[in-house]
Amino acid sequence: MAGTDSGSGASASRKRADARRNEQTLLDAAGAAFLAAGVNVPVRDIAARAGVGVGTIYRHFPTRADLVVAVYRHQVEACAEAGPALLATSGTPHTALARWIDLFVDFLVTKHGLAEALQSDDATFEALHAYFLDRLVPVCTRLLDAAATAGEIRPGVEAYELMRGVGNLCIGAGRDPRYDARRMVGLLVAGLRLD
């Protein structure tokens, strides 16, 4: 009987791992769909990207607001986890910082649409914004400190200020084809370098 218990435990664990993977796939698909077409993209388009039926999305996320909040948190976590990984694998701390800022830009382009979708529940958005700052400011600080310590950028650049500046450069990025937010952010990051 002991073998039966351990087998069912392993089966339950596999099932939970599969459910987590499925949810991650849905969140990645929703994030890509939001980036491409905005947060009001039809659920059937998200389902098609994820390779699942519409019902599967509603089982995981009963409302669009649930999906929007989950995508937001998922993208914050991905951005937070990317910082240390990039620092460990990039040739220089400045390269890691530039790559992280590039990921941050992708997140921000989606985030502006998410903010619109969450306007109806200010308390929810405020809590998510605090979560965003709590998770990402320390990551950006670590990248800036590493680049400054390596003598690659000016010391004293504050993570919050840099992130706010990048955010401001990304506002309205999808509305004007003459404006390339990523190019402007690249100039900002290049401007951090010591001559």
C-alpha atoms as a PDB file:
ATOM      1  CA  MET A   1       0.000   0.000   0.000  1.00  0.00           C
ATOM      2  CA  ALA A   2       2.894   2.327   0.606  1.00  0.00           C
ATOM      3  CA  GLY A   3       3.762   2.053  -3.087  1.00  0.00           C
ATOM      4  CA  THR A   4       0.248   3.147  -4.010  1.00  0.00           C
ATOM      5  CA  ASP A   5       0.502   6.288  -1.876  1.00  0.00           C
ATOM      6  CA  SER A   6       3.820   7.341  -3.345  1.00  0.00           C
ATOM      7  CA  GLY A   7       2.560   6.653  -6.860  1.00  0.00           C
ATOM      8  CA  SER A   8      -0.561   8.776  -6.396  1.00  0.00           C
ATOM      9  CA  GLY A   9       1.581  11.524  -4.846  1.00  0.00           C
ATOM     10  CA  ALA A  10       3.875  11.505  -7.857  1.00  0.00           C
ATOM     11  CA  SER A  11       0.847  11.514 -10.154  1.00  0.00           C
ATOM     12  CA  ALA A  12      -0.670  14.478  -8.302  1.00  0.00           C
ATOM     13  CA  SER A  13       2.675  16.274  -8.414  1.00  0.00           C
ATOM     14  CA  ARG A  14       2.934  15.665 -12.191  1.00  0.00           C
ATOM     15  CA  LYS A  15      -0.626  16.887 -12.616  1.00  0.00           C
ATOM     16  CA  ARG A  16       0.148  20.072 -10.661  1.00  0.00           C
ATOM     17  CA  ALA A  17       3.312  20.597 -12.739  1.00  0.00           C
ATOM     18  CA  ASP A  18       1.294  20.083 -15.946  1.00  0.00           C
ATOM     19  CA  ALA A  19      -1.358  22.540 -14.740  1.00  0.00           C
ATOM     20  CA  ARG A  20       1.346  25.117 -13.941  1.00  0.00           C
ATOM     21  CA  ARG A  21       2.914  24.623 -17.391  1.00  0.00           C
ATOM     22  CA  ASN A  22      -0.488  24.996 -19.050  1.00  0.00           C
ATOM     23  CA  GLU A  23      -1.153  28.168 -17.106  1.00  0.00           C
ATOM     24  CA  GLN A  24       2.280  29.546 -18.060  1.00  0.00           C
ATOM     25  CA  THR A  25       1.552  28.765 -21.716  1.00  0.00           C
ATOM     26  CA  LEU A  26      -1.765  30.624 -21.454  1.00  0.00           C
ATOM     27  CA  LEU A  27      -0.113  33.600 -19.773  1.00  0.00           C
ATOM     28  CA  ASP A  28       2.644  33.748 -22.399  1.00  0.00           C
ATOM     29  CA  ALA A  29       0.064  33.550 -25.190  1.00  0.00           C
ATOM     30  CA  ALA A  30      -2.099  36.230 -23.572  1.00  0.00           C
ATOM     31  CA  GLY A  31       0.918  38.497 -23.052  1.00  0.00           C
ATOM     32  CA  ALA A  32       1.929  38.125 -26.706  1.00  0.00           C
ATOM     33  CA  ALA A  33      -1.651  38.776 -27.822  1.00  0.00           C
ATOM     34  CA  PHE A  34      -1.893  41.855 -25.586  1.00  0.00           C
ATOM     35  CA  LEU A  35       1.388  43.147 -27.002  1.00  0.00           C
ATOM     36  CA  ALA A  36       0.261  42.585 -30.585  1.00  0.00           C
ATOM     37  CA  ALA A  37      -3.373  43.698 -30.374  1.00  0.00           C
ATOM     38  CA  GLY A  38      -4.051  45.247 -26.959  1.00  0.00           C
ATOM     39  CA  VAL A  39      -5.814  43.906 -23.888  1.00  0.00           C
ATOM     40  CA  ASN A  40      -9.178  43.779 -25.618  1.00  0.00           C
ATOM     41  CA  VAL A  41      -7.985  41.110 -28.041  1.00  0.00           C
ATOM     42  CA  PRO A  42     -10.666  38.400 -28.414  1.00  0.00           C
ATOM     43  CA  VAL A  43     -10.225  35.450 -26.058  1.00  0.00           C
ATOM     44  CA  ARG A  44     -10.476  33.098 -29.048  1.00  0.00           C
ATOM     45  CA  ASP A  45      -7.286  34.703 -30.455  1.00  0.00           C
ATOM     46  CA  ILE A  46      -5.465  34.047 -27.173  1.00  0.00           C
ATOM     47  CA  ALA A  47      -6.763  30.469 -27.153  1.00  0.00           C
ATOM     48  CA  ALA A  48      -5.536  29.953 -30.722  1.00  0.00           C
ATOM     49  CA  ARG A  49      -2.060  31.267 -29.791  1.00  0.00           C
ATOM     50  CA  ALA A  50      -1.955  28.915 -26.811  1.00  0.00           C
ATOM     51  CA  GLY A  51      -3.292  25.964 -28.785  1.00  0.00           C
ATOM     52  CA  VAL A  52      -6.233  25.442 -26.422  1.00  0.00           C
ATOM     53  CA  GLY A  53      -9.978  25.924 -26.461  1.00  0.00           C
ATOM     54  CA  VAL A  54     -11.648  29.073 -25.172  1.00  0.00           C
ATOM     55  CA  GLY A  55     -13.147  27.061 -22.305  1.00  0.00           C
ATOM     56  CA  THR A  56      -9.655  26.244 -21.026  1.00  0.00           C
ATOM     57  CA  ILE A  57      -8.878  29.933 -20.669  1.00  0.00           C
ATOM     58  CA  TYR A  58     -12.109  30.567 -18.772  1.00  0.00           C
ATOM     59  CA  ARG A  59     -11.391  27.601 -16.479  1.00  0.00           C
ATOM     60  CA  HIS A  60      -8.093  29.201 -15.481  1.00  0.00           C
ATOM     61  CA  PHE A  61      -9.238  32.839 -15.646  1.00  0.00           C
ATOM     62  CA  PRO A  62     -13.018  33.286 -15.235  1.00  0.00           C
ATOM     63  CA  THR A  63     -12.940  36.992 -16.202  1.00  0.00           C
ATOM     64  CA  ARG A  64     -10.830  39.168 -18.492  1.00  0.00           C
ATOM     65  CA  ALA A  65      -9.719  41.113 -15.399  1.00  0.00           C
ATOM     66  CA  ASP A  66      -8.424  37.860 -13.857  1.00  0.00           C
ATOM     67  CA  LEU A  67      -6.432  37.188 -17.021  1.00  0.00           C
ATOM     68  CA  VAL A  68      -5.098  40.749 -17.204  1.00  0.00           C
ATOM     69  CA  VAL A  69      -3.923  40.674 -13.573  1.00  0.00           C
ATOM     70  CA  ALA A  70      -2.335  37.233 -14.028  1.00  0.00           C
ATOM     71  CA  VAL A  71      -0.475  38.362 -17.175  1.00  0.00           C
ATOM     72  CA  TYR A  72       0.734  41.475 -15.366  1.00  0.00           C
ATOM     73  CA  ARG A  73       2.092  39.448 -12.439  1.00  0.00           C
ATOM     74  CA  HIS A  74       3.566  36.825 -14.764  1.00  0.00           C
ATOM     75  CA  GLN A  75       5.415  39.476 -16.759  1.00  0.00           C
ATOM     76  CA  VAL A  76       6.693  41.226 -13.624  1.00  0.00           C
ATOM     77  CA  GLU A  77       8.080  37.911 -12.380  1.00  0.00           C
ATOM     78  CA  ALA A  78       9.704  37.131 -15.730  1.00  0.00           C
ATOM     79  CA  CYS A  79      11.328  40.568 -15.778  1.00  0.00           C
ATOM     80  CA  ALA A  80      12.499  40.204 -12.162  1.00  0.00           C
ATOM     81  CA  GLU A  81      14.012  36.768 -12.804  1.00  0.00           C
ATOM     82  CA  ALA A  82      15.720  37.925 -15.993  1.00  0.00           C
ATOM     83  CA  GLY A  83      17.900  40.528 -14.240  1.00  0.00           C
ATOM     84  CA  PRO A  84      20.164  38.174 -12.267  1.00  0.00           C
ATOM     85  CA  ALA A  85      20.227  35.672 -15.148  1.00  0.00           C
ATOM     86  CA  LEU A  86      21.372  38.350 -17.601  1.00  0.00           C
ATOM     87  CA  LEU A  87      23.977  39.601 -15.155  1.00  0.00           C
ATOM     88  CA  ALA A  88      25.366  36.070 -14.845  1.00  0.00           C
ATOM     89  CA  THR A  89      25.420  35.343 -18.599  1.00  0.00           C
ATOM     90  CA  SER A  90      26.164  38.653 -20.329  1.00  0.00           C
ATOM     91  CA  GLY A  91      29.668  39.758 -21.262  1.00  0.00           C
ATOM     92  CA  THR A  92      29.463  42.955 -19.225  1.00  0.00           C
ATOM     93  CA  PRO A  93      27.130  44.449 -16.635  1.00  0.00           C
ATOM     94  CA  HIS A  94      26.202  47.227 -19.098  1.00  0.00           C
ATOM     95  CA  THR A  95      25.189  44.613 -21.673  1.00  0.00           C
ATOM     96  CA  ALA A  96      23.074  42.903 -19.010  1.00  0.00           C
ATOM     97  CA  LEU A  97      21.487  46.243 -18.109  1.00  0.00           C
ATOM     98  CA  ALA A  98      20.747  47.076 -21.762  1.00  0.00           C
ATOM     99  CA  ARG A  99      19.191  43.641 -22.359  1.00  0.00           C
ATOM    100  CA  TRP A 100      17.118  43.915 -19.196  1.00  0.00           C
ATOM    101  CA  ILE A 101      15.886  47.370 -20.163  1.00  0.00           C
ATOM    102  CA  ASP A 102      14.892  45.905 -23.549  1.00  0.00           C
ATOM    103  CA  LEU A 103      12.759  43.283 -21.743  1.00  0.00           C
ATOM    104  CA  PHE A 104      11.390  46.015 -19.509  1.00  0.00           C
ATOM    105  CA  VAL A 105      10.313  47.972 -22.607  1.00  0.00           C
ATOM    106  CA  ASP A 106       8.381  44.924 -23.856  1.00  0.00           C
ATOM    107  CA  PHE A 107       6.674  44.723 -20.482  1.00  0.00           C
ATOM    108  CA  LEU A 108       5.871  48.443 -20.427  1.00  0.00           C
ATOM    109  CA  VAL A 109       4.303  48.441 -23.869  1.00  0.00           C
ATOM    110  CA  THR A 110       1.904  45.775 -22.605  1.00  0.00           C
ATOM    111  CA  LYS A 111       1.550  47.455 -19.201  1.00  0.00           C
ATOM    112  CA  HIS A 112       0.062  50.644 -20.608  1.00  0.00           C
ATOM    113  CA  GLY A 113      -2.807  48.630 -22.048  1.00  0.00           C
ATOM    114  CA  LEU A 114      -3.137  46.719 -18.804  1.00  0.00           C
ATOM    115  CA  ALA A 115      -3.454  49.975 -16.880  1.00  0.00           C
ATOM    116  CA  GLU A 116      -6.388  50.978 -19.069  1.00  0.00           C
ATOM    117  CA  ALA A 117      -8.045  47.620 -18.509  1.00  0.00           C
ATOM    118  CA  LEU A 118      -7.651  47.929 -14.747  1.00  0.00           C
ATOM    119  CA  GLN A 119      -8.990  51.487 -14.411  1.00  0.00           C
ATOM    120  CA  SER A 120     -12.321  50.245 -13.117  1.00  0.00           C
ATOM    121  CA  ASP A 121     -10.632  48.890  -9.968  1.00  0.00           C
ATOM    122  CA  ASP A 122      -8.166  51.489  -8.693  1.00  0.00           C
ATOM    123  CA  ALA A 123      -7.323  49.498  -5.534  1.00  0.00           C
ATOM    124  CA  THR A 124      -6.319  46.497  -7.624  1.00  0.00           C
ATOM    125  CA  PHE A 125      -4.137  48.611  -9.888  1.00  0.00           C
ATOM    126  CA  GLU A 126      -2.478  50.371  -6.940  1.00  0.00           C
ATOM    127  CA  ALA A 127      -1.621  47.013  -5.356  1.00  0.00           C
ATOM    128  CA  LEU A 128      -0.230  45.750  -8.669  1.00  0.00           C
ATOM    129  CA  HIS A 129       1.821  48.920  -9.135  1.00  0.00           C
ATOM    130  CA  ALA A 130       3.310  48.504  -5.644  1.00  0.00           C
ATOM    131  CA  TYR A 131       4.089  44.870  -6.472  1.00  0.00           C
ATOM    132  CA  PHE A 132       5.734  46.020  -9.729  1.00  0.00           C
ATOM    133  CA  LEU A 133       7.970  48.495  -7.870  1.00  0.00           C
ATOM    134  CA  ASP A 134       8.804  46.064  -5.049  1.00  0.00           C
ATOM    135  CA  ARG A 135       9.922  43.381  -7.511  1.00  0.00           C
ATOM    136  CA  LEU A 136      11.633  45.428 -10.244  1.00  0.00           C
ATOM    137  CA  VAL A 137      13.339  48.416  -8.590  1.00  0.00           C
ATOM    138  CA  PRO A 138      15.767  46.142  -6.660  1.00  0.00           C
ATOM    139  CA  VAL A 139      16.600  44.222  -9.861  1.00  0.00           C
ATOM    140  CA  CYS A 140      17.337  47.427 -11.768  1.00  0.00           C
ATOM    141  CA  THR A 141      19.366  48.726  -8.780  1.00  0.00           C
ATOM    142  CA  ARG A 142      21.501  45.586  -8.820  1.00  0.00           C
ATOM    143  CA  LEU A 143      22.166  45.937 -12.567  1.00  0.00           C
ATOM    144  CA  LEU A 144      23.007  49.642 -12.245  1.00  0.00           C
ATOM    145  CA  ASP A 145      25.302  49.000  -9.272  1.00  0.00           C
ATOM    146  CA  ALA A 146      27.139  46.244 -11.150  1.00  0.00           C
ATOM    147  CA  ALA A 147      27.647  48.458 -14.216  1.00  0.00           C
ATOM    148  CA  ALA A 148      28.805  51.396 -12.058  1.00  0.00           C
ATOM    149  CA  THR A 149      31.191  49.175 -10.078  1.00  0.00           C
ATOM    150  CA  ALA A 150      32.628  47.908 -13.388  1.00  0.00           C
ATOM    151  CA  GLY A 151      33.226  51.531 -14.405  1.00  0.00           C
ATOM    152  CA  GLU A 152      30.863  51.246 -17.375  1.00  0.00           C
ATOM    153  CA  ILE A 153      28.244  53.823 -16.367  1.00  0.00           C
ATOM    154  CA  ARG A 154      28.034  56.953 -14.282  1.00  0.00           C
ATOM    155  CA  PRO A 155      27.586  56.177 -10.595  1.00  0.00           C
ATOM    156  CA  GLY A 156      24.553  57.448  -8.738  1.00  0.00           C
ATOM    157  CA  VAL A 157      21.860  56.621 -11.306  1.00  0.00           C
ATOM    158  CA  GLU A 158      18.715  55.763  -9.359  1.00  0.00           C
ATOM    159  CA  ALA A 159      16.771  52.726 -10.537  1.00  0.00           C
ATOM    160  CA  TYR A 160      13.375  54.316  -9.946  1.00  0.00           C
ATOM    161  CA  GLU A 161      14.324  57.399 -11.987  1.00  0.00           C
ATOM    162  CA  LEU A 162      15.686  55.317 -14.851  1.00  0.00           C
ATOM    163  CA  MET A 163      12.632  53.070 -14.889  1.00  0.00           C
ATOM    164  CA  ARG A 164      10.336  56.087 -14.775  1.00  0.00           C
ATOM    165  CA  GLY A 165      12.246  57.688 -17.663  1.00  0.00           C
ATOM    166  CA  VAL A 166      12.026  54.502 -19.722  1.00  0.00           C
ATOM    167  CA  GLY A 167       8.315  54.312 -18.912  1.00  0.00           C
ATOM    168  CA  ASN A 168       7.748  57.862 -20.086  1.00  0.00           C
ATOM    169  CA  LEU A 169       9.573  57.152 -23.354  1.00  0.00           C
ATOM    170  CA  CYS A 170       7.260  54.172 -23.924  1.00  0.00           C
ATOM    171  CA  ILE A 171       3.977  56.041 -23.491  1.00  0.00           C
ATOM    172  CA  GLY A 172       1.993  55.984 -26.709  1.00  0.00           C
ATOM    173  CA  ALA A 173       4.608  53.872 -28.485  1.00  0.00           C
ATOM    174  CA  GLY A 174       2.027  51.994 -30.536  1.00  0.00           C
ATOM    175  CA  ARG A 175       0.016  55.031 -31.569  1.00  0.00           C
ATOM    176  CA  ASP A 176       2.495  56.857 -33.800  1.00  0.00           C
ATOM    177  CA  PRO A 177       4.427  54.901 -36.450  1.00  0.00           C
ATOM    178  CA  ARG A 178       6.949  57.756 -36.670  1.00  0.00           C
ATOM    179  CA  TYR A 179       7.969  57.243 -33.035  1.00  0.00           C
ATOM    180  CA  ASP A 180      10.325  54.394 -32.095  1.00  0.00           C
ATOM    181  CA  ALA A 181      10.300  54.080 -28.311  1.00  0.00           C
ATOM    182  CA  ARG A 182      12.879  51.296 -28.335  1.00  0.00           C
ATOM    183  CA  ARG A 183      15.325  53.515 -30.258  1.00  0.00           C
ATOM    184  CA  MET A 184      14.825  56.362 -27.778  1.00  0.00           C
ATOM    185  CA  VAL A 185      15.292  54.032 -24.815  1.00  0.00           C
ATOM    186  CA  GLY A 186      18.469  52.716 -26.473  1.00  0.00           C
ATOM    187  CA  LEU A 187      19.801  56.268 -26.646  1.00  0.00           C
ATOM    188  CA  LEU A 188      18.974  56.759 -22.970  1.00  0.00           C
ATOM    189  CA  VAL A 189      20.799  53.578 -21.952  1.00  0.00           C
ATOM    190  CA  ALA A 190      23.776  54.455 -24.185  1.00  0.00           C
ATOM    191  CA  GLY A 191      23.851  57.868 -22.492  1.00  0.00           C
ATOM    192  CA  LEU A 192      24.509  56.211 -19.133  1.00  0.00           C
ATOM    193  CA  ARG A 193      27.934  55.074 -20.354  1.00  0.00           C
ATOM    194  CA  LEU A 194      31.077  56.810 -19.190  1.00  0.00           C
ATOM    195  CA  ASP A 195      33.007  58.430 -22.018  1.00  0.00           C
END
